[in-house]
Protein backbone atom coordinates (compact mmCIF):
# COMPACT_ATOMS: atom_id res chain seq x y z
CA MET A 1 215.47 108.68 14.76
CA MET A 2 212.82 111.10 16.02
CA THR A 3 209.39 109.51 16.17
CA ARG A 4 205.91 110.65 16.97
CA MET A 5 204.01 108.21 19.15
CA PHE A 6 200.56 107.26 17.95
CA THR A 7 198.20 104.97 19.84
CA PHE A 8 196.52 101.83 18.66
CA VAL A 9 193.44 100.93 20.73
CA ALA A 10 192.62 97.22 20.72
CA THR A 11 189.39 95.74 21.99
CA SER A 12 187.54 92.53 22.53
CA VAL A 13 184.17 94.28 22.85
CA CYS A 14 181.73 93.52 20.05
CA LEU A 15 179.76 96.52 18.85
CA PHE A 16 176.00 96.52 18.75
CA ALA A 17 173.42 98.55 16.87
CA VAL A 18 170.81 100.65 18.61
CA ALA A 19 167.33 99.99 17.22
CA CYS A 20 166.45 102.56 14.61
CA GLY A 21 162.85 103.59 15.30
CA SER A 22 160.78 105.85 13.07
CA HIS A 23 157.30 107.20 12.86
CA SER A 24 155.12 105.40 10.40
CA GLY A 25 155.49 106.88 6.99
CA ALA A 26 154.16 106.38 3.53
CA ASN A 27 157.25 104.58 2.23
CA GLY A 28 156.20 101.04 3.06
CA ASP A 29 159.53 100.22 4.74
CA GLY A 30 159.11 102.01 8.05
CA SER A 31 161.20 105.01 7.01
CA THR A 32 159.87 108.53 7.09
CA THR A 33 160.39 111.16 4.45
CA CYS A 34 161.44 114.60 5.61
CA ALA A 35 162.65 118.02 4.54
CA ALA A 36 163.89 119.23 7.95
CA ASN A 37 164.97 117.73 11.29
CA ASP A 38 161.80 118.89 13.06
CA GLU A 39 159.81 116.51 10.89
CA CYS A 40 161.61 113.50 12.40
CA SER A 41 160.98 111.52 15.61
CA GLY A 42 163.14 111.31 18.71
CA ALA A 43 164.39 107.87 17.71
CA THR A 44 165.48 109.04 14.23
CA PRO A 45 165.97 112.78 14.75
CA VAL A 46 168.16 113.63 11.74
CA CYS A 47 166.78 114.45 8.30
CA HIS A 48 169.35 112.81 6.05
CA SER A 49 170.35 114.39 2.74
CA ASN A 50 168.54 111.50 1.01
CA GLY A 51 165.23 112.78 2.44
CA TYR A 52 164.67 110.11 5.14
CA CYS A 53 164.76 110.34 8.92
CA VAL A 54 167.81 108.54 10.36
CA GLN A 55 169.64 108.33 13.65
CA CYS A 56 172.77 110.11 12.41
CA GLU A 57 174.80 111.47 9.52
CA THR A 58 177.99 112.01 11.52
CA SER A 59 179.29 110.80 14.89
CA ALA A 60 178.48 114.25 16.31
CA ASP A 61 174.78 113.29 16.10
CA CYS A 62 175.22 110.30 18.42
CA PRO A 63 174.96 110.08 22.26
CA ALA A 64 177.88 109.21 24.52
CA ASP A 65 176.89 105.55 24.97
CA THR A 66 176.72 104.95 21.19
CA PRO A 67 179.21 107.49 19.83
CA LEU A 68 179.94 106.13 16.34
CA CYS A 69 177.76 106.86 13.30
CA SER A 70 177.90 103.91 10.91
CA ASN A 71 175.53 103.65 7.96
CA THR A 72 173.24 106.31 9.54
CA THR A 73 172.97 104.29 12.77
CA CYS A 74 174.60 105.15 16.12
CA MET A 75 176.87 102.33 17.25
CA ALA A 76 178.65 101.44 20.48
CA GLY A 77 182.24 102.53 20.86
CA CYS A 78 185.24 100.39 21.68
CA ALA A 79 187.37 100.07 24.79
CA GLY A 80 190.40 97.98 25.55
CA THR A 81 194.12 97.95 26.05
CA ALA A 82 196.47 100.38 24.28
CA VAL A 83 199.37 99.28 22.11
CA ALA A 84 202.02 101.89 21.26
CA ALA A 85 203.23 102.34 17.69
CA ASP A 86 205.81 104.56 16.02
CA PHE A 87 204.88 107.17 13.44
CA VAL A 88 208.21 108.03 11.85
CA LYS A 89 209.52 110.81 9.64
CA ILE A 90 210.07 110.08 5.97
CA PRO A 91 213.82 109.70 5.22
CA SER A 92 215.73 112.05 2.90
CA ASP A 93 218.22 111.32 0.10
CA ILE A 94 220.48 114.27 -0.80
CA ILE A 95 222.46 114.22 -4.06
CA TRP A 96 225.33 116.72 -4.37
CA VAL A 97 226.64 117.50 -7.87
CA VAL A 98 229.73 119.72 -7.77
CA ASP A 99 231.35 121.46 -10.75
CA GLN A 100 235.10 120.61 -10.82
CA SER A 101 236.15 122.85 -13.71
CA GLY A 102 239.29 124.99 -13.49
CA SER A 103 237.57 128.05 -12.04
CA MET A 104 236.15 126.11 -9.09
CA ASN A 105 239.29 125.63 -6.96
CA GLN A 106 238.10 127.68 -3.98
CA GLU A 107 234.56 126.40 -4.18
CA THR A 108 235.40 122.67 -4.29
CA ALA A 109 237.75 123.06 -1.33
CA TYR A 110 234.96 124.80 0.57
CA VAL A 111 232.49 121.99 -0.17
CA GLN A 112 235.00 119.41 1.04
CA GLN A 113 235.65 121.43 4.19
CA LYS A 114 232.00 122.06 5.04
CA LEU A 115 230.16 118.91 4.00
CA ASN A 116 230.57 117.24 7.39
CA ASP A 117 229.20 120.40 9.03
CA PHE A 118 226.19 120.14 6.69
CA ALA A 119 225.71 116.47 7.65
CA THR A 120 225.87 117.43 11.33
CA LEU A 121 223.04 119.94 10.83
CA ILE A 122 220.91 117.28 9.13
CA ASP A 123 221.80 114.69 11.75
CA ALA A 124 220.67 117.00 14.57
CA SER A 125 217.14 116.93 13.14
CA GLY A 126 216.87 113.19 13.72
CA ILE A 127 216.13 112.48 10.05
CA ASP A 128 217.29 109.25 8.45
CA TYR A 129 219.41 110.66 5.61
CA HIS A 130 221.71 109.47 2.83
CA VAL A 131 224.18 111.70 0.99
CA VAL A 132 225.37 111.00 -2.56
CA MET A 133 228.37 112.92 -3.93
CA ILE A 134 228.85 113.08 -7.69
CA ALA A 135 232.43 114.32 -8.03
CA ASN A 136 235.88 112.84 -8.69
CA PRO A 137 238.22 112.64 -5.68
CA THR A 138 241.40 112.52 -7.83
CA SER A 139 240.78 114.90 -10.75
CA THR A 140 241.39 118.63 -11.05
CA ASN A 141 239.80 120.36 -8.05
CA PRO A 142 239.16 117.02 -6.32
CA ILE A 143 236.62 116.49 -3.57
CA CYS A 144 237.42 113.93 -0.88
CA VAL A 145 234.69 113.73 1.75
CA PRO A 146 236.40 112.68 5.00
CA PRO A 147 234.92 110.78 7.95
CA PRO A 148 232.62 110.77 9.78
CA LEU A 149 230.32 111.25 6.77
CA GLY A 150 232.70 109.78 4.20
CA GLY A 151 234.50 106.47 4.53
CA PRO A 152 238.22 105.64 4.41
CA SER A 153 240.15 106.92 1.37
CA CYS A 154 237.27 109.18 0.27
CA GLY A 155 235.05 106.14 -0.12
CA ASP A 156 231.55 105.04 0.81
CA ASN A 157 230.14 104.91 4.30
CA VAL A 158 226.86 103.99 6.00
CA ARG A 159 225.21 107.29 5.01
CA PHE A 160 227.50 108.27 2.14
CA LYS A 161 227.85 107.12 -1.48
CA LEU A 162 230.55 108.38 -3.84
CA VAL A 163 229.98 108.47 -7.60
CA PRO A 164 233.54 109.18 -8.87
CA ILE A 165 232.68 111.13 -12.02
CA LYS A 166 234.32 114.45 -12.88
CA VAL A 167 231.70 117.16 -13.27
CA GLY A 168 232.23 119.91 -15.83
CA SER A 169 230.99 123.48 -15.97
CA THR A 170 227.68 122.86 -17.71
CA ASN A 171 226.88 119.14 -17.48
CA GLY A 172 225.93 118.66 -13.81
CA PRO A 173 222.20 117.95 -14.37
CA GLN A 174 222.99 115.69 -17.33
CA LEU A 175 225.54 113.65 -15.30
CA ALA A 176 223.09 113.27 -12.40
CA VAL A 177 220.72 111.47 -14.78
CA ALA A 178 223.32 109.64 -16.90
CA ASN A 179 225.06 108.14 -13.83
CA TYR A 180 221.90 107.17 -11.98
CA SER A 181 222.88 103.49 -12.05
CA GLY A 182 225.91 104.38 -9.92
CA TYR A 183 223.80 105.46 -6.96
CA SER A 184 220.25 104.20 -7.56
CA SER A 185 220.67 101.30 -5.12
CA PHE A 186 221.59 103.79 -2.37
CA LEU A 187 218.32 105.71 -2.71
CA ARG A 188 215.14 104.75 -0.89
CA PRO A 189 211.88 104.83 -2.92
CA GLU A 190 210.01 106.29 0.06
CA ALA A 191 212.62 109.00 0.75
CA ALA A 192 212.28 112.69 -0.17
CA LYS A 193 214.83 113.53 -2.90
CA HIS A 194 216.99 116.67 -2.87
CA PHE A 195 219.58 117.71 -5.48
CA VAL A 196 222.24 120.28 -4.58
CA PHE A 197 224.10 121.72 -7.58
CA VAL A 198 227.28 123.74 -6.96
CA THR A 199 228.60 125.58 -10.03
CA ASP A 200 229.68 129.01 -11.29
CA ASP A 201 228.24 128.32 -14.76
CA ASN A 202 224.88 127.62 -16.40
CA SER A 203 223.50 124.22 -17.40
CA ALA A 204 223.61 122.95 -20.98
CA TRP A 205 220.36 121.10 -20.26
CA SER A 206 217.21 123.13 -19.85
CA ALA A 207 215.14 122.86 -16.67
CA ALA A 208 212.44 121.01 -18.62
CA MET A 209 214.96 118.50 -20.02
CA PHE A 210 216.35 117.71 -16.57
CA THR A 211 212.90 117.39 -15.04
CA SER A 212 211.48 115.09 -17.71
CA SER A 213 214.62 112.91 -17.82
CA LEU A 214 214.72 112.59 -14.04
CA LEU A 215 211.06 111.67 -13.66
CA ALA A 216 211.43 109.00 -16.36
CA LEU A 217 214.03 107.08 -14.31
CA PRO A 218 212.90 103.76 -12.79
CA PRO A 219 211.15 102.79 -10.66
CA ALA A 220 208.11 104.93 -11.38
CA GLY A 221 207.65 107.63 -8.77
CA MET A 222 211.21 107.51 -7.43
CA PHE A 223 211.71 111.27 -7.92
CA THR A 224 208.13 112.48 -7.48
CA GLY A 225 208.22 115.74 -5.50
CA PHE A 226 212.00 116.21 -5.86
CA LYS A 227 213.59 119.53 -4.92
CA VAL A 228 216.56 121.33 -6.46
CA HIS A 229 218.83 123.52 -4.36
CA ALA A 230 221.73 125.37 -5.92
CA ILE A 231 224.81 127.36 -4.94
CA TYR A 232 225.49 129.15 -8.20
CA ALA A 233 226.09 132.44 -10.04
CA PHE A 234 223.10 134.76 -9.83
CA GLY A 235 222.22 138.23 -8.64
CA THR A 236 223.62 140.17 -11.61
CA PRO A 237 221.20 139.49 -14.46
CA GLY A 238 222.56 139.43 -17.98
CA GLY A 239 226.20 139.14 -16.95
CA LEU A 240 228.45 136.66 -15.18
CA GLY A 241 225.94 136.20 -12.41
CA CYS A 242 227.90 137.44 -9.40
CA THR A 243 231.20 138.71 -8.07
CA GLY A 244 232.75 138.40 -4.62
CA PRO A 245 235.53 136.85 -2.52
CA PHE A 246 235.39 133.66 -4.58
CA GLY A 247 235.76 135.61 -7.82
CA THR A 248 233.17 136.02 -10.54
CA GLY A 249 230.77 133.60 -12.12
CA ALA A 250 231.38 132.12 -15.54
CA ALA A 251 227.75 132.68 -16.55
CA GLU A 252 224.46 133.48 -14.89
CA GLY A 253 222.78 130.20 -13.89
CA THR A 254 219.34 130.84 -15.33
CA VAL A 255 218.50 127.12 -15.55
CA TYR A 256 219.20 126.68 -11.84
CA THR A 257 217.08 129.72 -11.03
CA GLU A 258 214.21 128.05 -12.88
CA LEU A 259 214.71 124.67 -11.20
CA VAL A 260 214.93 126.18 -7.71
CA ALA A 261 211.75 128.20 -8.29
CA GLN A 262 209.97 125.23 -9.88
CA THR A 263 210.67 122.86 -6.97
CA GLY A 264 210.67 125.29 -4.03
CA GLY A 265 214.36 124.80 -3.28
CA ALA A 266 216.99 126.99 -1.60
CA ALA A 267 219.59 129.13 -3.39
CA GLY A 268 222.92 130.72 -2.45
CA VAL A 269 225.33 132.97 -4.34
CA ILE A 270 228.52 131.06 -5.12
CA CYS A 271 230.78 134.14 -5.28
CA THR A 272 230.45 134.86 -1.57
CA GLY A 273 233.09 133.46 0.75
CA ASP A 274 230.59 132.17 3.31
CA TRP A 275 227.82 129.67 2.50
CA THR A 276 226.60 129.24 6.07
CA GLN A 277 223.20 130.73 5.35
CA VAL A 278 222.48 128.65 2.26
CA PHE A 279 223.60 125.49 4.08
CA GLN A 280 221.10 126.35 6.80
CA ASP A 281 218.41 127.05 4.19
CA ILE A 282 219.05 123.71 2.48
CA THR A 283 218.99 121.96 5.85
CA GLN A 284 215.65 123.59 6.68
CA ALA A 285 214.24 122.52 3.32
CA VAL A 286 215.38 118.94 3.92
CA VAL A 287 213.96 118.88 7.45
CA SER A 288 210.61 120.38 6.46
CA GLY A 289 210.39 117.92 3.56
CA ALA A 290 210.92 114.94 5.85
CA ARG A 291 207.32 114.85 7.01
CA VAL A 292 205.78 112.00 8.93
CA SER A 293 204.73 108.99 6.93
CA CYS A 294 201.04 108.48 6.24
CA GLU A 295 201.29 104.71 6.32
CA LEU A 296 200.72 102.72 9.51
CA ALA A 297 201.53 99.06 9.97
CA MET A 298 198.51 96.90 10.73
CA PRO A 299 198.30 96.49 14.52
CA THR A 300 198.63 93.13 16.17
CA PRO A 301 195.49 92.27 18.18
CA PRO A 302 195.85 91.28 21.84
CA MET A 303 196.62 87.66 22.60
CA GLY A 304 193.66 85.38 22.04
CA GLN A 305 191.95 87.74 19.59
CA THR A 306 191.74 87.65 15.81
CA LEU A 307 191.99 90.72 13.63
CA ASP A 308 188.86 91.24 11.54
CA THR A 309 189.70 93.79 8.84
CA ALA A 310 186.02 94.75 8.56
CA LEU A 311 186.05 95.81 12.22
CA VAL A 312 188.70 98.55 12.09
CA ASN A 313 188.30 102.30 12.49
CA VAL A 314 190.85 105.12 12.47
CA ARG A 315 190.16 108.07 14.75
CA TYR A 316 192.02 111.40 14.36
CA LEU A 317 192.48 113.56 17.46
CA PRO A 318 193.30 117.12 16.28
CA GLY A 319 195.97 118.54 18.56
CA GLY A 320 195.91 115.24 20.43
CA VAL A 321 192.59 116.13 22.08
CA ALA A 322 189.93 113.42 22.52
CA PRO A 323 187.43 112.30 21.43
CA GLY A 324 188.42 113.31 17.90
CA ASP A 325 186.78 112.29 14.64
CA THR A 326 186.43 108.89 12.98
CA ILE A 327 188.11 108.92 9.58
CA PRO A 328 185.97 107.09 7.03
CA LYS A 329 187.33 104.10 5.14
CA VAL A 330 187.46 104.08 1.33
CA ASN A 331 188.03 101.09 -0.91
CA SER A 332 191.31 102.19 -2.49
CA ALA A 333 193.55 105.14 -3.33
CA ALA A 334 191.39 105.79 -6.39
CA ASP A 335 188.43 106.48 -4.09
CA CYS A 336 190.21 109.18 -2.09
CA GLY A 337 188.53 112.56 -2.52
CA ALA A 338 188.40 115.97 -0.91
CA ALA A 339 186.83 114.46 2.23
CA GLY A 340 189.92 112.29 2.82
CA GLY A 341 189.80 108.84 4.38
CA TRP A 342 191.97 105.75 4.70
CA TYR A 343 192.34 102.41 2.93
CA TYR A 344 194.27 99.14 3.11
CA ASP A 345 197.33 98.50 0.96
CA ASP A 346 195.80 95.09 0.18
CA PRO A 347 192.05 94.69 0.85
CA VAL A 348 192.37 90.89 1.12
CA ALA A 349 195.53 90.58 3.24
CA PRO A 350 196.39 94.09 4.44
CA THR A 351 199.72 94.93 6.03
CA LYS A 352 199.30 98.72 6.11
CA ILE A 353 196.70 101.38 6.80
CA ILE A 354 197.24 104.25 4.35
CA MET A 355 195.74 107.71 4.74
CA CYS A 356 194.31 109.57 1.75
CA PRO A 357 196.16 112.75 0.68
CA THR A 358 193.71 115.20 2.31
CA THR A 359 193.78 113.35 5.62
CA CYS A 360 197.54 112.91 5.35
CA ASP A 361 198.03 116.66 4.89
CA ASN A 362 195.86 117.42 7.92
CA VAL A 363 197.85 115.05 10.12
CA GLN A 364 201.24 116.19 8.82
CA ASN A 365 200.36 119.84 9.42
CA ASP A 366 199.31 119.13 13.01
CA PRO A 367 202.46 118.74 15.17
CA ALA A 368 200.41 117.44 18.12
CA ALA A 369 198.22 115.10 16.08
CA ASN A 370 197.24 111.74 17.50
CA LEU A 371 195.57 108.74 15.90
CA LYS A 372 193.79 105.76 17.36
CA VAL A 373 193.22 102.58 15.41
CA GLU A 374 190.22 100.86 16.99
CA LEU A 375 189.72 97.13 16.59
CA GLY A 376 186.32 95.49 16.95
CA CYS A 377 184.15 98.30 15.60
CA GLN A 378 182.37 98.05 12.27
CA SER A 379 184.37 100.19 9.84
CA THR A 380 182.84 103.57 9.09
CA VAL A 381 182.71 103.68 5.30
CA LEU A 382 182.53 106.84 3.22
């Protein structure tokens, strides 16, 4: 599996606070009111948004020997030994649903012939993938997926699960939902989900019916963010959809057009005799959807040290360039906002560090991103 290496920085150095001087003010607590930075002293040079002079609002306000801004005070940084950790790509589950009606003889044979080539394309990306095939290997227009993807006698394999149900012209989406129990255990809750429908007809279910039924399947969130790809009859509106070496469509697949557009999937015309391009498009969609995970396992402190969950900071290095920026900690997912942040999966006994959506997007869109998890520094809290 392809991984991106992130760095955990462990330390035994205790942080200390630099004294926060101020000029005597009228507030009775030693703080000084201000409207601009030039009204503040050298010890507390920043006019905070709350109207008081402080040492810092962000780490950029702090000197090199005390580079972290925590609670408006510049704090000492951390140093120590580095422990490597893996930052892996999210896996992908791909569910194929293939129409086996009488008009699909050429198309089902083509799927059977090319599915291993498709798996090879996915495999080359380094993604951890599973393939589900909803189709009957012994009915009219059978589909038997051979090794190496499929197992012996058209059966299951490490990355392949067969759901031996014959698919008709118009019931593919309905069967994908109705037979969920036949493949649910093969799906991973954390995996990106992709459906690939192959048919020369339209769906009896509407796009809205498929979407609502799919999202209602347990466990909650299993199909959040799913994509639909389709090889179907389109291109000739108001008619049979298409014509070509594989004949004509039975009906224009308007439902699939809607689902593909709704989920940002890939589409190919079924009547053509060559689906190489759409296979590549589907592969690209699967690869781009398999983004890095935004959950990091809690690091193990060096021998002889104890992990204090209140003394943890996460630093993001854009493009992998130091020193980067300290990502503030928030209490929970509910506290994530536009500014981003990170939080523990369990505030009492955490096992993971989870990045908020905004921060997650920034990291996932930065191919050279680097993170450091620093132990021993008072957490910077948003």
